[in-house]
Amino acid sequence: MTDVNTQLATSVDSLMYEFEVITNNLANVNTPGFKRRCNAFTEALQQRMTEDGETVSSDRVEGFDFTQGQLTLTSRPLDFALHGKGFFAVETPEGYLYTRNGSFQVDQNRQIVDNLGRVVAGVNNPITIPADADLSQISVSNDGTVSANGVSLGRFKIVDFGENEGKLNIVGNSCFAMQEDIKPEDATDVVVKHRYKEGSNVQMVEELVDMIMVTRMYQANMNFLSTTKEMSASLMNVAMA
């Protein structure tokens, strides 16, 4: 009985984790550039759970879904969206972070920054908008070169991690950090779309369906746990009679 209870506890713990993943995805359904977190636990349960509700083990395989989010025209001069594989690089005291959220602004130094005021990296230097240039005069080429009044101001540092995308670590605010054993490369299969933003790739209906399934599995495990406790109590009563 102890082994069964241990398996149940592990299964319930994994279901609670899965529930947290789903609720976090749903909370970011409208976050620009957000990439949904996914794992194979739910799929494994679907494939391995028997018709009578027998519980299963819980091998988690975590990761992120980096599929393209929908691009929406905003007409905002500091909105930039990436179409294809790649990430904007953001400068922080701890090193670069990487994001698909290209809704930027300018700081007091007229440098392009993210919504937390962190400098968006350029290939050589941060991109600075001249004081005499209106934001409406900004234009961007497909490769991320920013210009104002026909004068080039620099090019966004846009990188790709290829097959190592799955090794990126989420750090919040739709940003990722890379592990020490991987290095980014210059993105080559990407186009910068000016005055567009990339939406979250969370599919609300799919997440809600997963939430219902996880909830039902949780209830099934708790019901089974309750049954085993009742059986143990009955056996104890018989033994003490």
Foldseek 3Di string as FASTA:
>chain_A
DVVLVVQLVQQLVVLVVLLVQLVVLVVQQFQFQAWRKDWCFLVVCVVPQDPVLDGDHGDIDIFTDNDFFDKDFQLDLQFKAKDFAKWWWWQDPVGTKTARWRNWDADPQQFIHHPVRTFTAFPVGTFHDDPPFDSNQWDAFFQAFIDGPPHTRTGTQIWGQPPCNRQWDDDDPRITDHDPVGDTDGDDTITMDGNMTGGYPDDNVVSVVSSVVSVVSSVSSVVVVVVVVVVVVVVVVVVVD
